[in-house]
Amino acid sequence: ATGHITSIFLTEQEGTMSSLRGLAETIQRHGLFGAFYTDRGSHY
């Protein structure tokens, strides 16, 4: 809706743990949200 970044960080390699970390930082700052749109990577 706003184009605001809710979580951003550098990591060695994208994967399950990085996705969970982004979710945790977003929910801790803002709360639960309705829908989550991602590519079809194997960790998703």
PDB file of all heavy atoms in Angstrom:
ATOM      1  N   ALA A   1       0.815  -1.217   0.000  1.00  0.00           N
ATOM      2  CA  ALA A   1       0.000   0.000   0.000  1.00  0.00           C
ATOM      3  C   ALA A   1       0.846   1.262   0.000  1.00  0.00           C
ATOM      4  O   ALA A   1       0.496   2.256  -0.642  1.00  0.00           O
ATOM      5  CB  ALA A   1      -0.940  -0.009   1.199  1.00  0.00           C
ATOM      6  N   THR A   2       1.960   1.238   0.716  1.00  0.00           N
ATOM      7  CA  THR A   2       2.762   2.453   0.889  1.00  0.00           C
ATOM      8  C   THR A   2       4.140   2.378   0.243  1.00  0.00           C
ATOM      9  O   THR A   2       4.794   3.416   0.088  1.00  0.00           O
ATOM     10  CB  THR A   2       2.961   2.734   2.384  1.00  0.00           C
ATOM     11  OG1 THR A   2       3.675   1.629   2.973  1.00  0.00           O
ATOM     12  CG2 THR A   2       1.623   2.898   3.097  1.00  0.00           C
ATOM     13  N   GLY A   3       4.598   1.175  -0.107  1.00  0.00           N
ATOM     14  CA  GLY A   3       5.963   1.030  -0.609  1.00  0.00           C
ATOM     15  C   GLY A   3       7.002   1.138   0.481  1.00  0.00           C
ATOM     16  O   GLY A   3       8.197   1.228   0.189  1.00  0.00           O
ATOM     17  N   HIS A   4       6.588   1.123   1.751  1.00  0.00           N
ATOM     18  CA  HIS A   4       7.529   1.224   2.863  1.00  0.00           C
ATOM     19  C   HIS A   4       8.228  -0.115   3.082  1.00  0.00           C
ATOM     20  O   HIS A   4       7.590  -1.175   3.050  1.00  0.00           O
ATOM     21  CB  HIS A   4       6.808   1.633   4.140  1.00  0.00           C
ATOM     22  CG  HIS A   4       6.435   3.078   4.167  1.00  0.00           C
ATOM     23  ND1 HIS A   4       5.732   3.652   5.197  1.00  0.00           N
ATOM     24  CD2 HIS A   4       6.674   4.079   3.281  1.00  0.00           C
ATOM     25  CE1 HIS A   4       5.546   4.938   4.945  1.00  0.00           C
ATOM     26  NE2 HIS A   4       6.111   5.217   3.785  1.00  0.00           N
ATOM     27  N   ILE A   5       9.523  -0.058   3.340  1.00  0.00           N
ATOM     28  CA  ILE A   5      10.275  -1.244   3.740  1.00  0.00           C
ATOM     29  C   ILE A   5      10.003  -1.507   5.214  1.00  0.00           C
ATOM     30  O   ILE A   5      10.127  -0.610   6.044  1.00  0.00           O
ATOM     31  CB  ILE A   5      11.772  -1.047   3.488  1.00  0.00           C
ATOM     32  CG1 ILE A   5      12.061  -0.956   1.988  1.00  0.00           C
ATOM     33  CG2 ILE A   5      12.583  -2.188   4.096  1.00  0.00           C
ATOM     34  CD1 ILE A   5      13.514  -0.652   1.653  1.00  0.00           C
ATOM     35  N   THR A   6       9.621  -2.741   5.538  1.00  0.00           N
ATOM     36  CA  THR A   6       9.371  -3.102   6.943  1.00  0.00           C
ATOM     37  C   THR A   6      10.520  -3.909   7.540  1.00  0.00           C
ATOM     38  O   THR A   6      10.612  -4.029   8.755  1.00  0.00           O
ATOM     39  CB  THR A   6       8.077  -3.913   7.059  1.00  0.00           C
ATOM     40  OG1 THR A   6       8.198  -5.125   6.273  1.00  0.00           O
ATOM     41  CG2 THR A   6       6.877  -3.104   6.548  1.00  0.00           C
ATOM     42  N   SER A   7      11.384  -4.464   6.682  1.00  0.00           N
ATOM     43  CA  SER A   7      12.563  -5.191   7.156  1.00  0.00           C
ATOM     44  C   SER A   7      13.582  -5.223   6.031  1.00  0.00           C
ATOM     45  O   SER A   7      13.231  -5.448   4.868  1.00  0.00           O
ATOM     46  CB  SER A   7      12.193  -6.628   7.570  1.00  0.00           C
ATOM     47  OG  SER A   7      13.360  -7.388   7.829  1.00  0.00           O
ATOM     48  N   ILE A   8      14.855  -4.973   6.377  1.00  0.00           N
ATOM     49  CA  ILE A   8      15.927  -5.002   5.380  1.00  0.00           C
ATOM     50  C   ILE A   8      17.227  -5.377   6.082  1.00  0.00           C
ATOM     51  O   ILE A   8      17.550  -4.837   7.143  1.00  0.00           O
ATOM     52  CB  ILE A   8      16.051  -3.635   4.656  1.00  0.00           C
ATOM     53  CG1 ILE A   8      17.156  -3.687   3.602  1.00  0.00           C
ATOM     54  CG2 ILE A   8      16.260  -2.499   5.627  1.00  0.00           C
ATOM     55  CD1 ILE A   8      17.195  -2.458   2.703  1.00  0.00           C
ATOM     56  N   PHE A   9      17.954  -6.337   5.516  1.00  0.00           N
ATOM     57  CA  PHE A   9      19.242  -6.736   6.098  1.00  0.00           C
ATOM     58  C   PHE A   9      20.032  -7.530   5.067  1.00  0.00           C
ATOM     59  O   PHE A   9      19.488  -8.082   4.107  1.00  0.00           O
ATOM     60  CB  PHE A   9      19.050  -7.572   7.366  1.00  0.00           C
ATOM     61  CG  PHE A   9      18.204  -8.808   7.181  1.00  0.00           C
ATOM     62  CD1 PHE A   9      18.765 -10.013   6.787  1.00  0.00           C
ATOM     63  CD2 PHE A   9      16.836  -8.754   7.388  1.00  0.00           C
ATOM     64  CE1 PHE A   9      17.997 -11.141   6.616  1.00  0.00           C
ATOM     65  CE2 PHE A   9      16.044  -9.881   7.220  1.00  0.00           C
ATOM     66  CZ  PHE A   9      16.626 -11.075   6.832  1.00  0.00           C
ATOM     67  N   LEU A  10      21.347  -7.573   5.268  1.00  0.00           N
ATOM     68  CA  LEU A  10      22.256  -8.349   4.437  1.00  0.00           C
ATOM     69  C   LEU A  10      22.512  -9.698   5.082  1.00  0.00           C
ATOM     70  O   LEU A  10      22.632  -9.805   6.310  1.00  0.00           O
ATOM     71  CB  LEU A  10      23.580  -7.611   4.261  1.00  0.00           C
ATOM     72  CG  LEU A  10      23.574  -6.375   3.357  1.00  0.00           C
ATOM     73  CD1 LEU A  10      24.869  -5.600   3.523  1.00  0.00           C
ATOM     74  CD2 LEU A  10      23.358  -6.775   1.903  1.00  0.00           C
ATOM     75  N   THR A  11      22.594 -10.736   4.261  1.00  0.00           N
ATOM     76  CA  THR A  11      22.910 -12.065   4.754  1.00  0.00           C
ATOM     77  C   THR A  11      23.771 -12.778   3.726  1.00  0.00           C
ATOM     78  O   THR A  11      23.840 -12.365   2.555  1.00  0.00           O
ATOM     79  CB  THR A  11      21.626 -12.881   5.026  1.00  0.00           C
ATOM     80  OG1 THR A  11      21.957 -14.117   5.660  1.00  0.00           O
ATOM     81  CG2 THR A  11      20.875 -13.164   3.741  1.00  0.00           C
ATOM     82  N   GLU A  12      24.437 -13.825   4.153  1.00  0.00           N
ATOM     83  CA  GLU A  12      25.331 -14.547   3.250  1.00  0.00           C
ATOM     84  C   GLU A  12      24.564 -15.210   2.120  1.00  0.00           C
ATOM     85  O   GLU A  12      24.996 -15.201   0.972  1.00  0.00           O
ATOM     86  CB  GLU A  12      26.133 -15.591   4.038  1.00  0.00           C
ATOM     87  CG  GLU A  12      27.170 -16.316   3.204  1.00  0.00           C
ATOM     88  CD  GLU A  12      28.012 -17.274   4.030  1.00  0.00           C
ATOM     89  OE1 GLU A  12      28.011 -17.136   5.272  1.00  0.00           O
ATOM     90  OE2 GLU A  12      28.662 -18.150   3.436  1.00  0.00           O
ATOM     91  N   GLN A  13      23.408 -15.801   2.443  1.00  0.00           N
ATOM     92  CA  GLN A  13      22.623 -16.468   1.411  1.00  0.00           C
ATOM     93  C   GLN A  13      21.155 -16.465   1.807  1.00  0.00           C
ATOM     94  O   GLN A  13      20.799 -16.736   2.959  1.00  0.00           O
ATOM     95  CB  GLN A  13      23.103 -17.910   1.205  1.00  0.00           C
ATOM     96  CG  GLN A  13      22.401 -18.628   0.051  1.00  0.00           C
ATOM     97  CD  GLN A  13      23.011 -19.983  -0.218  1.00  0.00           C
ATOM     98  OE1 GLN A  13      23.813 -20.491   0.561  1.00  0.00           O
ATOM     99  NE2 GLN A  13      22.654 -20.596  -1.338  1.00  0.00           N
ATOM    100  N   GLU A  14      20.298 -16.169   0.838  1.00  0.00           N
ATOM    101  CA  GLU A  14      18.856 -16.177   1.079  1.00  0.00           C
ATOM    102  C   GLU A  14      18.390 -17.606   1.342  1.00  0.00           C
ATOM    103  O   GLU A  14      18.857 -18.561   0.724  1.00  0.00           O
ATOM    104  CB  GLU A  14      18.123 -15.616  -0.145  1.00  0.00           C
ATOM    105  CG  GLU A  14      16.604 -15.589  -0.002  1.00  0.00           C
ATOM    106  CD  GLU A  14      15.911 -15.132  -1.263  1.00  0.00           C
ATOM    107  OE1 GLU A  14      16.596 -14.974  -2.298  1.00  0.00           O
ATOM    108  OE2 GLU A  14      14.679 -14.939  -1.236  1.00  0.00           O
ATOM    109  N   GLY A  15      17.456 -17.767   2.268  1.00  0.00           N
ATOM    110  CA  GLY A  15      16.943 -19.092   2.584  1.00  0.00           C
ATOM    111  C   GLY A  15      15.848 -19.010   3.631  1.00  0.00           C
ATOM    112  O   GLY A  15      15.275 -17.950   3.893  1.00  0.00           O
ATOM    113  N   THR A  16      15.575 -20.146   4.249  1.00  0.00           N
ATOM    114  CA  THR A  16      14.491 -20.224   5.226  1.00  0.00           C
ATOM    115  C   THR A  16      14.717 -19.278   6.395  1.00  0.00           C
ATOM    116  O   THR A  16      13.814 -18.535   6.802  1.00  0.00           O
ATOM    117  CB  THR A  16      14.356 -21.670   5.739  1.00  0.00           C
ATOM    118  OG1 THR A  16      14.022 -22.527   4.643  1.00  0.00           O
ATOM    119  CG2 THR A  16      13.266 -21.759   6.796  1.00  0.00           C
ATOM    120  N   MET A  17      15.917 -19.291   6.961  1.00  0.00           N
ATOM    121  CA  MET A  17      16.180 -18.476   8.144  1.00  0.00           C
ATOM    122  C   MET A  17      16.081 -16.982   7.828  1.00  0.00           C
ATOM    123  O   MET A  17      15.569 -16.196   8.644  1.00  0.00           O
ATOM    124  CB  MET A  17      17.562 -18.799   8.712  1.00  0.00           C
ATOM    125  CG  MET A  17      17.626 -20.133   9.439  1.00  0.00           C
ATOM    126  SD  MET A  17      16.439 -20.234  10.804  1.00  0.00           S
ATOM    127  CE  MET A  17      16.974 -21.745  11.602  1.00  0.00           C
ATOM    128  N   SER A  18      16.550 -16.566   6.665  1.00  0.00           N
ATOM    129  CA  SER A  18      16.456 -15.149   6.329  1.00  0.00           C
ATOM    130  C   SER A  18      14.999 -14.739   6.140  1.00  0.00           C
ATOM    131  O   SER A  18      14.601 -13.633   6.520  1.00  0.00           O
ATOM    132  CB  SER A  18      17.270 -14.856   5.065  1.00  0.00           C
ATOM    133  OG  SER A  18      16.732 -15.522   3.937  1.00  0.00           O
ATOM    134  N   SER A  19      14.190 -15.609   5.557  1.00  0.00           N
ATOM    135  CA  SER A  19      12.770 -15.301   5.378  1.00  0.00           C
ATOM    136  C   SER A  19      12.066 -15.188   6.726  1.00  0.00           C
ATOM    137  O   SER A  19      11.269 -14.272   6.951  1.00  0.00           O
ATOM    138  CB  SER A  19      12.097 -16.380   4.527  1.00  0.00           C
ATOM    139  OG  SER A  19      12.688 -16.461   3.252  1.00  0.00           O
ATOM    140  N   LEU A  20      12.362 -16.117   7.639  1.00  0.00           N
ATOM    141  CA  LEU A  20      11.756 -16.068   8.964  1.00  0.00           C
ATOM    142  C   LEU A  20      12.203 -14.820   9.724  1.00  0.00           C
ATOM    143  O   LEU A  20      11.415 -14.208  10.452  1.00  0.00           O
ATOM    144  CB  LEU A  20      12.120 -17.328   9.753  1.00  0.00           C
ATOM    145  CG  LEU A  20      11.548 -18.648   9.204  1.00  0.00           C
ATOM    146  CD1 LEU A  20      12.103 -19.824   9.981  1.00  0.00           C
ATOM    147  CD2 LEU A  20      10.028 -18.644   9.247  1.00  0.00           C
ATOM    148  N   ARG A  21      13.451 -14.441   9.543  1.00  0.00           N
ATOM    149  CA  ARG A  21      13.940 -13.227  10.207  1.00  0.00           C
ATOM    150  C   ARG A  21      13.199 -11.992   9.693  1.00  0.00           C
ATOM    151  O   ARG A  21      12.804 -11.122  10.482  1.00  0.00           O
ATOM    152  CB  ARG A  21      15.442 -13.075   9.976  1.00  0.00           C
ATOM    153  CG  ARG A  21      16.029 -11.791  10.548  1.00  0.00           C
ATOM    154  CD  ARG A  21      17.522 -11.700  10.294  1.00  0.00           C
ATOM    155  NE  ARG A  21      18.047 -10.380  10.643  1.00  0.00           N
ATOM    156  CZ  ARG A  21      19.317 -10.012  10.467  1.00  0.00           C
ATOM    157  NH1 ARG A  21      20.185 -10.871   9.955  1.00  0.00           N
ATOM    158  NH2 ARG A  21      19.711  -8.805  10.811  1.00  0.00           N
ATOM    159  N   GLY A  22      13.013 -11.889   8.379  1.00  0.00           N
ATOM    160  CA  GLY A  22      12.270 -10.752   7.829  1.00  0.00           C
ATOM    161  C   GLY A  22      10.843 -10.702   8.345  1.00  0.00           C
ATOM    162  O   GLY A  22      10.315  -9.624   8.646  1.00  0.00           O
ATOM    163  N   LEU A  23      10.196 -11.868   8.453  1.00  0.00           N
ATOM    164  CA  LEU A  23       8.843 -11.918   8.998  1.00  0.00           C
ATOM    165  C   LEU A  23       8.823 -11.483  10.458  1.00  0.00           C
ATOM    166  O   LEU A  23       7.948 -10.716  10.885  1.00  0.00           O
ATOM    167  CB  LEU A  23       8.285 -13.340   8.868  1.00  0.00           C
ATOM    168  CG  LEU A  23       7.867 -13.791   7.470  1.00  0.00           C
ATOM    169  CD1 LEU A  23       7.619 -15.285   7.450  1.00  0.00           C
ATOM    170  CD2 LEU A  23       6.619 -13.038   7.042  1.00  0.00           C
ATOM    171  N   ALA A  24       9.786 -11.976  11.233  1.00  0.00           N
ATOM    172  CA  ALA A  24       9.823 -11.638  12.658  1.00  0.00           C
ATOM    173  C   ALA A  24      10.017 -10.141  12.863  1.00  0.00           C
ATOM    174  O   ALA A  24       9.323  -9.519  13.686  1.00  0.00           O
ATOM    175  CB  ALA A  24      10.945 -12.424  13.346  1.00  0.00           C
ATOM    176  N   GLU A  25      10.942  -9.536  12.123  1.00  0.00           N
ATOM    177  CA  GLU A  25      11.183  -8.099  12.286  1.00  0.00           C
ATOM    178  C   GLU A  25       9.950  -7.291  11.890  1.00  0.00           C
ATOM    179  O   GLU A  25       9.604  -6.302  12.550  1.00  0.00           O
ATOM    180  CB  GLU A  25      12.390  -7.680  11.441  1.00  0.00           C
ATOM    181  CG  GLU A  25      13.705  -8.243  11.952  1.00  0.00           C
ATOM    182  CD  GLU A  25      14.901  -7.776  11.135  1.00  0.00           C
ATOM    183  OE1 GLU A  25      14.680  -7.079  10.115  1.00  0.00           O
ATOM    184  OE2 GLU A  25      16.049  -8.114  11.495  1.00  0.00           O
ATOM    185  N   THR A  26       9.263  -7.714  10.841  1.00  0.00           N
ATOM    186  CA  THR A  26       8.058  -6.990  10.397  1.00  0.00           C
ATOM    187  C   THR A  26       6.944  -7.087  11.429  1.00  0.00           C
ATOM    188  O   THR A  26       6.308  -6.082  11.786  1.00  0.00           O
ATOM    189  CB  THR A  26       7.580  -7.559   9.050  1.00  0.00           C
ATOM    190  OG1 THR A  26       8.577  -7.318   8.060  1.00  0.00           O
ATOM    191  CG2 THR A  26       6.282  -6.908   8.620  1.00  0.00           C
ATOM    192  N   ILE A  27       6.684  -8.295  11.924  1.00  0.00           N
ATOM    193  CA  ILE A  27       5.583  -8.481  12.884  1.00  0.00           C
ATOM    194  C   ILE A  27       5.898  -7.798  14.211  1.00  0.00           C
ATOM    195  O   ILE A  27       5.010  -7.224  14.852  1.00  0.00           O
ATOM    196  CB  ILE A  27       5.299  -9.981  13.062  1.00  0.00           C
ATOM    197  CG1 ILE A  27       4.802 -10.574  11.741  1.00  0.00           C
ATOM    198  CG2 ILE A  27       4.269 -10.215  14.159  1.00  0.00           C
ATOM    199  CD1 ILE A  27       4.667 -12.082  11.750  1.00  0.00           C
ATOM    200  N   GLN A  28       7.146  -7.837  14.636  1.00  0.00           N
ATOM    201  CA  GLN A  28       7.511  -7.172  15.887  1.00  0.00           C
ATOM    202  C   GLN A  28       7.327  -5.659  15.799  1.00  0.00           C
ATOM    203  O   GLN A  28       6.929  -5.018  16.770  1.00  0.00           O
ATOM    204  CB  GLN A  28       8.958  -7.516  16.256  1.00  0.00           C
ATOM    205  CG  GLN A  28       9.138  -8.949  16.739  1.00  0.00           C
ATOM    206  CD  GLN A  28      10.595  -9.366  16.781  1.00  0.00           C
ATOM    207  OE1 GLN A  28      11.489  -8.632  16.370  1.00  0.00           O
ATOM    208  NE2 GLN A  28      10.849 -10.578  17.267  1.00  0.00           N
ATOM    209  N   ARG A  29       7.597  -5.076  14.624  1.00  0.00           N
ATOM    210  CA  ARG A  29       7.482  -3.624  14.467  1.00  0.00           C
ATOM    211  C   ARG A  29       6.058  -3.172  14.192  1.00  0.00           C
ATOM    212  O   ARG A  29       5.626  -2.120  14.663  1.00  0.00           O
ATOM    213  CB  ARG A  29       8.381  -3.145  13.328  1.00  0.00           C
ATOM    214  CG  ARG A  29       9.866  -3.234  13.625  1.00  0.00           C
ATOM    215  CD  ARG A  29      10.681  -2.828  12.417  1.00  0.00           C
ATOM    216  NE  ARG A  29      12.108  -3.013  12.652  1.00  0.00           N
ATOM    217  CZ  ARG A  29      12.974  -3.474  11.756  1.00  0.00           C
ATOM    218  NH1 ARG A  29      12.539  -3.804  10.558  1.00  0.00           N
ATOM    219  NH2 ARG A  29      14.246  -3.599  12.055  1.00  0.00           N
ATOM    220  N   HIS A  30       5.311  -3.964  13.415  1.00  0.00           N
ATOM    221  CA  HIS A  30       4.023  -3.483  12.927  1.00  0.00           C
ATOM    222  C   HIS A  30       2.835  -4.354  13.334  1.00  0.00           C
ATOM    223  O   HIS A  30       1.723  -3.847  13.452  1.00  0.00           O
ATOM    224  CB  HIS A  30       4.052  -3.380  11.399  1.00  0.00           C
ATOM    225  CG  HIS A  30       5.142  -2.496  10.874  1.00  0.00           C
ATOM    226  ND1 HIS A  30       5.036  -1.119  10.831  1.00  0.00           N
ATOM    227  CD2 HIS A  30       6.372  -2.798  10.388  1.00  0.00           C
ATOM    228  CE1 HIS A  30       6.148  -0.613  10.327  1.00  0.00           C
ATOM    229  NE2 HIS A  30       6.977  -1.598  10.052  1.00  0.00           N
ATOM    230  N   GLY A  31       3.031  -5.658  13.489  1.00  0.00           N
ATOM    231  CA  GLY A  31       1.934  -6.557  13.804  1.00  0.00           C
ATOM    232  C   GLY A  31       1.694  -7.548  12.677  1.00  0.00           C
ATOM    233  O   GLY A  31       2.396  -7.569  11.661  1.00  0.00           O
ATOM    234  N   LEU A  32       0.672  -8.391  12.859  1.00  0.00           N
ATOM    235  CA  LEU A  32       0.305  -9.365  11.836  1.00  0.00           C
ATOM    236  C   LEU A  32      -0.316  -8.668  10.634  1.00  0.00           C
ATOM    237  O   LEU A  32      -0.978  -7.644  10.774  1.00  0.00           O
ATOM    238  CB  LEU A  32      -0.689 -10.379  12.404  1.00  0.00           C
ATOM    239  CG  LEU A  32      -0.160 -11.347  13.458  1.00  0.00           C
ATOM    240  CD1 LEU A  32      -1.309 -12.170  14.018  1.00  0.00           C
ATOM    241  CD2 LEU A  32       0.903 -12.259  12.882  1.00  0.00           C
ATOM    242  N   PHE A  33      -0.131  -9.255   9.454  1.00  0.00           N
ATOM    243  CA  PHE A  33      -0.683  -8.692   8.234  1.00  0.00           C
ATOM    244  C   PHE A  33      -1.504  -9.750   7.509  1.00  0.00           C
ATOM    245  O   PHE A  33      -1.552 -10.920   7.916  1.00  0.00           O
ATOM    246  CB  PHE A  33       0.435  -8.139   7.342  1.00  0.00           C
ATOM    247  CG  PHE A  33       1.577  -9.095   7.117  1.00  0.00           C
ATOM    248  CD1 PHE A  33       1.583  -9.950   6.036  1.00  0.00           C
ATOM    249  CD2 PHE A  33       2.650  -9.130   8.008  1.00  0.00           C
ATOM    250  CE1 PHE A  33       2.629 -10.826   5.827  1.00  0.00           C
ATOM    251  CE2 PHE A  33       3.706  -9.998   7.812  1.00  0.00           C
ATOM    252  CZ  PHE A  33       3.692 -10.854   6.719  1.00  0.00           C
ATOM    253  N   GLY A  34      -2.150  -9.337   6.412  1.00  0.00           N
ATOM    254  CA  GLY A  34      -3.133 -10.209   5.780  1.00  0.00           C
ATOM    255  C   GLY A  34      -2.566 -11.235   4.825  1.00  0.00           C
ATOM    256  O   GLY A  34      -2.914 -12.415   4.896  1.00  0.00           O
ATOM    257  N   ALA A  35      -1.705 -10.826   3.883  1.00  0.00           N
ATOM    258  CA  ALA A  35      -1.219 -11.730   2.841  1.00  0.00           C
ATOM    259  C   ALA A  35       0.253 -11.465   2.574  1.00  0.00           C
ATOM    260  O   ALA A  35       0.753 -10.351   2.759  1.00  0.00           O
ATOM    261  CB  ALA A  35      -2.038 -11.556   1.558  1.00  0.00           C
ATOM    262  N   PHE A  36       0.935 -12.520   2.095  1.00  0.00           N
ATOM    263  CA  PHE A  36       2.384 -12.498   1.895  1.00  0.00           C
ATOM    264  C   PHE A  36       2.664 -12.994   0.483  1.00  0.00           C
ATOM    265  O   PHE A  36       2.302 -14.118   0.121  1.00  0.00           O
ATOM    266  CB  PHE A  36       3.041 -13.412   2.932  1.00  0.00           C
ATOM    267  CG  PHE A  36       4.525 -13.266   3.063  1.00  0.00           C
ATOM    268  CD1 PHE A  36       5.108 -12.031   3.285  1.00  0.00           C
ATOM    269  CD2 PHE A  36       5.347 -14.385   3.017  1.00  0.00           C
ATOM    270  CE1 PHE A  36       6.490 -11.908   3.436  1.00  0.00           C
ATOM    271  CE2 PHE A  36       6.715 -14.271   3.176  1.00  0.00           C
ATOM    272  CZ  PHE A  36       7.281 -13.029   3.377  1.00  0.00           C
ATOM    273  N   TYR A  37       3.275 -12.136  -0.345  1.00  0.00           N
ATOM    274  CA  TYR A  37       3.479 -12.425  -1.768  1.00  0.00           C
ATOM    275  C   TYR A  37       4.958 -12.656  -2.026  1.00  0.00           C
ATOM    276  O   TYR A  37       5.773 -11.766  -1.769  1.00  0.00           O
ATOM    277  CB  TYR A  37       2.970 -11.234  -2.587  1.00  0.00           C
ATOM    278  CG  TYR A  37       2.777 -11.505  -4.051  1.00  0.00           C
ATOM    279  CD1 TYR A  37       1.593 -12.034  -4.535  1.00  0.00           C
ATOM    280  CD2 TYR A  37       3.786 -11.205  -4.965  1.00  0.00           C
ATOM    281  CE1 TYR A  37       1.412 -12.261  -5.883  1.00  0.00           C
ATOM    282  CE2 TYR A  37       3.616 -11.432  -6.319  1.00  0.00           C
ATOM    283  CZ  TYR A  37       2.425 -11.962  -6.774  1.00  0.00           C
ATOM    284  OH  TYR A  37       2.259 -12.188  -8.113  1.00  0.00           O
ATOM    285  N   THR A  38       5.307 -13.843  -2.529  1.00  0.00           N
ATOM    286  CA  THR A  38       6.712 -14.192  -2.748  1.00  0.00           C
ATOM    287  C   THR A  38       6.864 -14.950  -4.063  1.00  0.00           C
ATOM    288  O   THR A  38       5.877 -15.370  -4.680  1.00  0.00           O
ATOM    289  CB  THR A  38       7.258 -15.081  -1.617  1.00  0.00           C
ATOM    290  OG1 THR A  38       6.620 -16.373  -1.680  1.00  0.00           O
ATOM    291  CG2 THR A  38       7.002 -14.458  -0.258  1.00  0.00           C
ATOM    292  N   ASP A  39       8.123 -15.144  -4.465  1.00  0.00           N
ATOM    293  CA  ASP A  39       8.379 -16.031  -5.597  1.00  0.00           C
ATOM    294  C   ASP A  39       8.222 -17.477  -5.135  1.00  0.00           C
ATOM    295  O   ASP A  39       7.838 -17.742  -3.995  1.00  0.00           O
ATOM    296  CB  ASP A  39       9.759 -15.759  -6.202  1.00  0.00           C
ATOM    297  CG  ASP A  39      10.896 -15.993  -5.197  1.00  0.00           C
ATOM    298  OD1 ASP A  39      10.717 -16.784  -4.256  1.00  0.00           O
ATOM    299  OD2 ASP A  39      11.974 -15.382  -5.368  1.00  0.00           O
ATOM    300  N   ARG A  40       8.536 -18.424  -6.028  1.00  0.00           N
ATOM    301  CA  ARG A  40       8.345 -19.842  -5.713  1.00  0.00           C
ATOM    302  C   ARG A  40       9.651 -20.525  -5.327  1.00  0.00           C
ATOM    303  O   ARG A  40       9.842 -21.710  -5.603  1.00  0.00           O
ATOM    304  CB  ARG A  40       7.703 -20.551  -6.903  1.00  0.00           C
ATOM    305  CG  ARG A  40       6.251 -20.148  -7.134  1.00  0.00           C
ATOM    306  CD  ARG A  40       5.732 -20.718  -8.443  1.00  0.00           C
ATOM    307  NE  ARG A  40       6.395 -20.091  -9.583  1.00  0.00           N
ATOM    308  CZ  ARG A  40       6.457 -20.649 -10.793  1.00  0.00           C
ATOM    309  NH1 ARG A  40       5.935 -21.820 -11.005  1.00  0.00           N
ATOM    310  NH2 ARG A  40       7.075 -20.003 -11.779  1.00  0.00           N
ATOM    311  N   GLY A  41      10.547 -19.762  -4.667  1.00  0.00           N
ATOM    312  CA  GLY A  41      11.791 -20.357  -4.188  1.00  0.00           C
ATOM    313  C   GLY A  41      11.522 -21.552  -3.287  1.00  0.00           C
ATOM    314  O   GLY A  41      10.483 -21.640  -2.627  1.00  0.00           O
ATOM    315  N   SER A  42      12.486 -22.482  -3.237  1.00  0.00           N
ATOM    316  CA  SER A  42      12.277 -23.739  -2.509  1.00  0.00           C
ATOM    317  C   SER A  42      12.075 -23.533  -1.014  1.00  0.00           C
ATOM    318  O   SER A  42      11.521 -24.405  -0.341  1.00  0.00           O
ATOM    319  CB  SER A  42      13.460 -24.677  -2.746  1.00  0.00           C
ATOM    320  OG  SER A  42      14.670 -24.073  -2.312  1.00  0.00           O
ATOM    321  N   HIS A  43      12.520 -22.393  -0.471  1.00  0.00           N
ATOM    322  CA  HIS A  43      12.287 -22.149   0.943  1.00  0.00           C
ATOM    323  C   HIS A  43      10.894 -21.575   1.188  1.00  0.00           C
ATOM    324  O   HIS A  43      10.441 -21.522   2.330  1.00  0.00           O
ATOM    325  CB  HIS A  43      13.354 -21.207   1.515  1.00  0.00           C
ATOM    326  CG  HIS A  43      13.509 -19.936   0.765  1.00  0.00           C
ATOM    327  ND1 HIS A  43      14.026 -19.876  -0.500  1.00  0.00           N
ATOM    328  CD2 HIS A  43      13.207 -18.651   1.085  1.00  0.00           C
ATOM    329  CE1 HIS A  43      14.053 -18.632  -0.928  1.00  0.00           C
ATOM    330  NE2 HIS A  43      13.540 -17.864   0.008  1.00  0.00           N
ATOM    331  N   TYR A  44      10.212 -21.124   0.129  1.00  0.00           N
ATOM    332  CA  TYR A  44       8.850 -20.622   0.255  1.00  0.00           C
ATOM    333  C   TYR A  44       7.805 -21.695  -0.068  1.00  0.00           C
ATOM    334  O   TYR A  44       6.807 -21.834   0.631  1.00  0.00           O
ATOM    335  CB  TYR A  44       8.628 -19.431  -0.677  1.00  0.00           C
ATOM    336  CG  TYR A  44       9.327 -18.165  -0.268  1.00  0.00           C
ATOM    337  CD1 TYR A  44      10.190 -17.512  -1.153  1.00  0.00           C
ATOM    338  CD2 TYR A  44       9.145 -17.614   0.994  1.00  0.00           C
ATOM    339  CE1 TYR A  44      10.830 -16.332  -0.793  1.00  0.00           C
ATOM    340  CE2 TYR A  44       9.788 -16.445   1.362  1.00  0.00           C
ATOM    341  CZ  TYR A  44      10.623 -15.807   0.465  1.00  0.00           C
ATOM    342  OH  TYR A  44      11.251 -14.646   0.836  1.00  0.00           O
TER     343      TYR A  44
END
